[in-house]
Amino acid sequence: MKKFFDDIKSELGKISWINKRENIKSTGGVVLVTIILGVFLLIVDFVFSSITELLLGGK
């Protein structure tokens, strides 16, 4: 059992953790891409729903 935990400790030591600045940059990139994708999907949804209403004679 002790060997198991020693192996875990050894493996965790091999991980190269990113620093705070890199973490903030990566998080900002993810947030930006998520916002851009959300706006894009909003526009696509609006276009398709407008086309559907036009074709089906809604409202």
PDB file of N, CA and C in Angstrom:
ATOM      1  N   MET A   1       0.827  -1.192   0.000  1.00  0.00           N
ATOM      2  CA  MET A   1       0.000   0.000   0.000  1.00  0.00           C
ATOM      3  C   MET A   1       0.875   1.260   0.000  1.00  0.00           C
ATOM      4  N   LYS A   2       1.957   1.228   0.780  1.00  0.00           N
ATOM      5  CA  LYS A   2       2.864   2.373   0.838  1.00  0.00           C
ATOM      6  C   LYS A   2       3.491   2.624  -0.532  1.00  0.00           C
ATOM      7  N   LYS A   3       3.843   1.559  -1.251  1.00  0.00           N
ATOM      8  CA  LYS A   3       4.436   1.701  -2.574  1.00  0.00           C
ATOM      9  C   LYS A   3       3.462   2.398  -3.523  1.00  0.00           C
ATOM     10  N   PHE A   4       2.178   2.056  -3.410  1.00  0.00           N
ATOM     11  CA  PHE A   4       1.155   2.674  -4.257  1.00  0.00           C
ATOM     12  C   PHE A   4       1.147   4.188  -4.081  1.00  0.00           C
ATOM     13  N   PHE A   5       1.120   4.648  -2.836  1.00  0.00           N
ATOM     14  CA  PHE A   5       1.087   6.088  -2.575  1.00  0.00           C
ATOM     15  C   PHE A   5       2.416   6.757  -2.926  1.00  0.00           C
ATOM     16  N   ASP A   6       3.527   6.049  -2.752  1.00  0.00           N
ATOM     17  CA  ASP A   6       4.818   6.591  -3.185  1.00  0.00           C
ATOM     18  C   ASP A   6       4.842   6.770  -4.703  1.00  0.00           C
ATOM     19  N   ASP A   7       4.259   5.827  -5.431  1.00  0.00           N
ATOM     20  CA  ASP A   7       4.183   5.927  -6.890  1.00  0.00           C
ATOM     21  C   ASP A   7       3.316   7.115  -7.315  1.00  0.00           C
ATOM     22  N   ILE A   8       2.201   7.314  -6.616  1.00  0.00           N
ATOM     23  CA  ILE A   8       1.325   8.452  -6.918  1.00  0.00           C
ATOM     24  C   ILE A   8       2.084   9.757  -6.697  1.00  0.00           C
ATOM     25  N   LYS A   9       2.787   9.855  -5.575  1.00  0.00           N
ATOM     26  CA  LYS A   9       3.553  11.066  -5.267  1.00  0.00           C
ATOM     27  C   LYS A   9       4.620  11.304  -6.339  1.00  0.00           C
ATOM     28  N   SER A  10       5.260  10.239  -6.768  1.00  0.00           N
ATOM     29  CA  SER A  10       6.282  10.343  -7.805  1.00  0.00           C
ATOM     30  C   SER A  10       5.686  10.824  -9.130  1.00  0.00           C
ATOM     31  N   GLU A  11       4.542  10.286  -9.511  1.00  0.00           N
ATOM     32  CA  GLU A  11       3.890  10.681 -10.766  1.00  0.00           C
ATOM     33  C   GLU A  11       3.408  12.127 -10.719  1.00  0.00           C
ATOM     34  N   LEU A  12       2.882  12.560  -9.578  1.00  0.00           N
ATOM     35  CA  LEU A  12       2.431  13.950  -9.448  1.00  0.00           C
ATOM     36  C   LEU A  12       3.605  14.915  -9.562  1.00  0.00           C
ATOM     37  N   GLY A  13       4.794  14.475  -9.157  1.00  0.00           N
ATOM     38  CA  GLY A  13       5.982  15.310  -9.276  1.00  0.00           C
ATOM     39  C   GLY A  13       6.414  15.500 -10.719  1.00  0.00           C
ATOM     40  N   LYS A  14       6.017  14.604 -11.610  1.00  0.00           N
ATOM     41  CA  LYS A  14       6.399  14.676 -13.022  1.00  0.00           C
ATOM     42  C   LYS A  14       5.516  15.631 -13.823  1.00  0.00           C
ATOM     43  N   ILE A  15       4.397  16.036 -13.256  1.00  0.00           N
ATOM     44  CA  ILE A  15       3.465  16.907 -13.968  1.00  0.00           C
ATOM     45  C   ILE A  15       4.048  18.310 -14.037  1.00  0.00           C
ATOM     46  N   SER A  16       3.993  18.919 -15.214  1.00  0.00           N
ATOM     47  CA  SER A  16       4.433  20.314 -15.310  1.00  0.00           C
ATOM     48  C   SER A  16       3.181  21.190 -15.229  1.00  0.00           C
ATOM     49  N   TRP A  17       3.001  21.828 -14.102  1.00  0.00           N
ATOM     50  CA  TRP A  17       1.841  22.662 -13.858  1.00  0.00           C
ATOM     51  C   TRP A  17       2.054  24.013 -14.510  1.00  0.00           C
ATOM     52  N   ILE A  18       0.981  24.588 -15.082  1.00  0.00           N
ATOM     53  CA  ILE A  18       1.105  25.901 -15.696  1.00  0.00           C
ATOM     54  C   ILE A  18       1.063  26.975 -14.613  1.00  0.00           C
ATOM     55  N   ASN A  19       1.679  28.119 -14.914  1.00  0.00           N
ATOM     56  CA  ASN A  19       1.682  29.188 -13.915  1.00  0.00           C
ATOM     57  C   ASN A  19       0.385  29.987 -13.990  1.00  0.00           C
ATOM     58  N   LYS A  20       0.248  30.936 -13.080  1.00  0.00           N
ATOM     59  CA  LYS A  20      -0.998  31.702 -12.954  1.00  0.00           C
ATOM     60  C   LYS A  20      -1.300  32.494 -14.220  1.00  0.00           C
ATOM     61  N   ARG A  21      -0.279  33.104 -14.825  1.00  0.00           N
ATOM     62  CA  ARG A  21      -0.486  33.916 -16.031  1.00  0.00           C
ATOM     63  C   ARG A  21      -0.999  33.063 -17.193  1.00  0.00           C
ATOM     64  N   GLU A  22      -0.389  31.892 -17.396  1.00  0.00           N
ATOM     65  CA  GLU A  22      -0.833  30.994 -18.467  1.00  0.00           C
ATOM     66  C   GLU A  22      -2.258  30.509 -18.214  1.00  0.00           C
ATOM     67  N   ASN A  23      -2.564  30.256 -16.958  1.00  0.00           N
ATOM     68  CA  ASN A  23      -3.906  29.802 -16.589  1.00  0.00           C
ATOM     69  C   ASN A  23      -4.949  30.876 -16.905  1.00  0.00           C
ATOM     70  N   ILE A  24      -4.640  32.129 -16.589  1.00  0.00           N
ATOM     71  CA  ILE A  24      -5.567  33.232 -16.856  1.00  0.00           C
ATOM     72  C   ILE A  24      -5.739  33.422 -18.366  1.00  0.00           C
ATOM     73  N   LYS A  25      -4.635  33.345 -19.127  1.00  0.00           N
ATOM     74  CA  LYS A  25      -4.724  33.479 -20.581  1.00  0.00           C
ATOM     75  C   LYS A  25      -5.576  32.373 -21.178  1.00  0.00           C
ATOM     76  N   SER A  26      -5.376  31.146 -20.730  1.00  0.00           N
ATOM     77  CA  SER A  26      -6.148  30.016 -21.255  1.00  0.00           C
ATOM     78  C   SER A  26      -7.629  30.171 -20.914  1.00  0.00           C
ATOM     79  N   THR A  27      -7.916  30.572 -19.696  1.00  0.00           N
ATOM     80  CA  THR A  27      -9.303  30.760 -19.272  1.00  0.00           C
ATOM     81  C   THR A  27      -9.961  31.867 -20.086  1.00  0.00           C
ATOM     82  N   GLY A  28      -9.245  32.964 -20.307  1.00  0.00           N
ATOM     83  CA  GLY A  28      -9.772  34.060 -21.119  1.00  0.00           C
ATOM     84  C   GLY A  28     -10.066  33.603 -22.541  1.00  0.00           C
ATOM     85  N   GLY A  29      -9.179  32.790 -23.098  1.00  0.00           N
ATOM     86  CA  GLY A  29      -9.399  32.255 -24.445  1.00  0.00           C
ATOM     87  C   GLY A  29     -10.636  31.390 -24.520  1.00  0.00           C
ATOM     88  N   VAL A  30     -10.823  30.550 -23.528  1.00  0.00           N
ATOM     89  CA  VAL A  30     -12.000  29.678 -23.504  1.00  0.00           C
ATOM     90  C   VAL A  30     -13.272  30.504 -23.386  1.00  0.00           C
ATOM     91  N   VAL A  31     -13.263  31.511 -22.519  1.00  0.00           N
ATOM     92  CA  VAL A  31     -14.437  32.365 -22.340  1.00  0.00           C
ATOM     93  C   VAL A  31     -14.747  33.114 -23.641  1.00  0.00           C
ATOM     94  N   LEU A  32     -13.718  33.641 -24.294  1.00  0.00           N
ATOM     95  CA  LEU A  32     -13.907  34.377 -25.546  1.00  0.00           C
ATOM     96  C   LEU A  32     -14.487  33.480 -26.640  1.00  0.00           C
ATOM     97  N   VAL A  33     -13.922  32.301 -26.810  1.00  0.00           N
ATOM     98  CA  VAL A  33     -14.423  31.373 -27.833  1.00  0.00           C
ATOM     99  C   VAL A  33     -15.857  30.955 -27.512  1.00  0.00           C
ATOM    100  N   THR A  34     -16.166  30.750 -26.241  1.00  0.00           N
ATOM    101  CA  THR A  34     -17.523  30.373 -25.841  1.00  0.00           C
ATOM    102  C   THR A  34     -18.515  31.485 -26.176  1.00  0.00           C
ATOM    103  N   ILE A  35     -18.148  32.734 -25.920  1.00  0.00           N
ATOM    104  CA  ILE A  35     -19.026  33.859 -26.236  1.00  0.00           C
ATOM    105  C   ILE A  35     -19.225  33.977 -27.739  1.00  0.00           C
ATOM    106  N   ILE A  36     -18.137  33.875 -28.503  1.00  0.00           N
ATOM    107  CA  ILE A  36     -18.238  33.959 -29.962  1.00  0.00           C
ATOM    108  C   ILE A  36     -19.122  32.849 -30.509  1.00  0.00           C
ATOM    109  N   LEU A  37     -18.921  31.635 -30.038  1.00  0.00           N
ATOM    110  CA  LEU A  37     -19.735  30.506 -30.497  1.00  0.00           C
ATOM    111  C   LEU A  37     -21.204  30.690 -30.111  1.00  0.00           C
ATOM    112  N   GLY A  38     -21.443  31.204 -28.903  1.00  0.00           N
ATOM    113  CA  GLY A  38     -22.815  31.459 -28.466  1.00  0.00           C
ATOM    114  C   GLY A  38     -23.518  32.474 -29.344  1.00  0.00           C
ATOM    115  N   VAL A  39     -22.818  33.556 -29.687  1.00  0.00           N
ATOM    116  CA  VAL A  39     -23.404  34.583 -30.561  1.00  0.00           C
ATOM    117  C   VAL A  39     -23.659  33.999 -31.948  1.00  0.00           C
ATOM    118  N   PHE A  40     -22.713  33.220 -32.464  1.00  0.00           N
ATOM    119  CA  PHE A  40     -22.883  32.594 -33.766  1.00  0.00           C
ATOM    120  C   PHE A  40     -24.112  31.680 -33.781  1.00  0.00           C
ATOM    121  N   LEU A  41     -24.253  30.847 -32.754  1.00  0.00           N
ATOM    122  CA  LEU A  41     -25.403  29.941 -32.687  1.00  0.00           C
ATOM    123  C   LEU A  41     -26.710  30.716 -32.519  1.00  0.00           C
ATOM    124  N   LEU A  42     -26.678  31.831 -31.805  1.00  0.00           N
ATOM    125  CA  LEU A  42     -27.860  32.680 -31.658  1.00  0.00           C
ATOM    126  C   LEU A  42     -28.301  33.204 -33.021  1.00  0.00           C
ATOM    127  N   ILE A  43     -27.342  33.664 -33.805  1.00  0.00           N
ATOM    128  CA  ILE A  43     -27.658  34.181 -35.140  1.00  0.00           C
ATOM    129  C   ILE A  43     -28.193  33.077 -36.045  1.00  0.00           C
ATOM    130  N   VAL A  44     -27.531  31.913 -36.038  1.00  0.00           N
ATOM    131  CA  VAL A  44     -27.985  30.792 -36.863  1.00  0.00           C
ATOM    132  C   VAL A  44     -29.390  30.366 -36.459  1.00  0.00           C
ATOM    133  N   ASP A  45     -29.667  30.305 -35.170  1.00  0.00           N
ATOM    134  CA  ASP A  45     -30.995  29.929 -34.687  1.00  0.00           C
ATOM    135  C   ASP A  45     -32.039  30.942 -35.137  1.00  0.00           C
ATOM    136  N   PHE A  46     -31.714  32.227 -35.034  1.00  0.00           N
ATOM    137  CA  PHE A  46     -32.640  33.270 -35.462  1.00  0.00           C
ATOM    138  C   PHE A  46     -32.944  33.155 -36.954  1.00  0.00           C
ATOM    139  N   VAL A  47     -31.910  32.935 -37.766  1.00  0.00           N
ATOM    140  CA  VAL A  47     -32.092  32.819 -39.216  1.00  0.00           C
ATOM    141  C   VAL A  47     -32.975  31.616 -39.537  1.00  0.00           C
ATOM    142  N   PHE A  48     -32.671  30.464 -38.959  1.00  0.00           N
ATOM    143  CA  PHE A  48     -33.456  29.265 -39.256  1.00  0.00           C
ATOM    144  C   PHE A  48     -34.894  29.370 -38.750  1.00  0.00           C
ATOM    145  N   SER A  49     -35.085  29.969 -37.579  1.00  0.00           N
ATOM    146  CA  SER A  49     -36.458  30.117 -37.086  1.00  0.00           C
ATOM    147  C   SER A  49     -37.231  31.109 -37.942  1.00  0.00           C
ATOM    148  N   SER A  50     -36.569  32.151 -38.445  1.00  0.00           N
ATOM    149  CA  SER A  50     -37.240  33.106 -39.333  1.00  0.00           C
ATOM    150  C   SER A  50     -37.629  32.429 -40.650  1.00  0.00           C
ATOM    151  N   ILE A  51     -36.727  31.629 -41.192  1.00  0.00           N
ATOM    152  CA  ILE A  51     -37.024  30.901 -42.441  1.00  0.00           C
ATOM    153  C   ILE A  51     -38.172  29.938 -42.216  1.00  0.00           C
ATOM    154  N   THR A  52     -38.171  29.241 -41.098  1.00  0.00           N
ATOM    155  CA  THR A  52     -39.241  28.288 -40.795  1.00  0.00           C
ATOM    156  C   THR A  52     -40.587  28.994 -40.679  1.00  0.00           C
ATOM    157  N   GLU A  53     -40.614  30.121 -39.968  1.00  0.00           N
ATOM    158  CA  GLU A  53     -41.871  30.881 -39.823  1.00  0.00           C
ATOM    159  C   GLU A  53     -42.351  31.386 -41.184  1.00  0.00           C
ATOM    160  N   LEU A  54     -41.434  31.829 -42.013  1.00  0.00           N
ATOM    161  CA  LEU A  54     -41.789  32.314 -43.331  1.00  0.00           C
ATOM    162  C   LEU A  54     -42.387  31.192 -44.183  1.00  0.00           C
ATOM    163  N   LEU A  55     -41.764  30.014 -44.150  1.00  0.00           N
ATOM    164  CA  LEU A  55     -42.230  28.888 -44.947  1.00  0.00           C
ATOM    165  C   LEU A  55     -43.557  28.309 -44.441  1.00  0.00           C
ATOM    166  N   LEU A  56     -43.736  28.324 -43.125  1.00  0.00           N
ATOM    167  CA  LEU A  56     -44.934  27.726 -42.546  1.00  0.00           C
ATOM    168  C   LEU A  56     -46.037  28.754 -42.299  1.00  0.00           C
ATOM    169  N   GLY A  57     -45.759  30.003 -42.580  1.00  0.00           N
ATOM    170  CA  GLY A  57     -46.774  31.044 -42.428  1.00  0.00           C
ATOM    171  C   GLY A  57     -47.112  31.331 -40.972  1.00  0.00           C
ATOM    172  N   GLY A  58     -46.138  31.346 -40.103  1.00  0.00           N
ATOM    173  CA  GLY A  58     -46.387  31.589 -38.675  1.00  0.00           C
ATOM    174  C   GLY A  58     -46.663  33.046 -38.396  1.00  0.00           C
ATOM    175  N   LYS A  59     -47.121  33.318 -37.213  1.00  0.00           N
ATOM    176  CA  LYS A  59     -47.477  34.652 -36.702  1.00  0.00           C
ATOM    177  C   LYS A  59     -48.554  35.212 -37.534  1.00  0.00           C
TER     178      LYS A  59
END
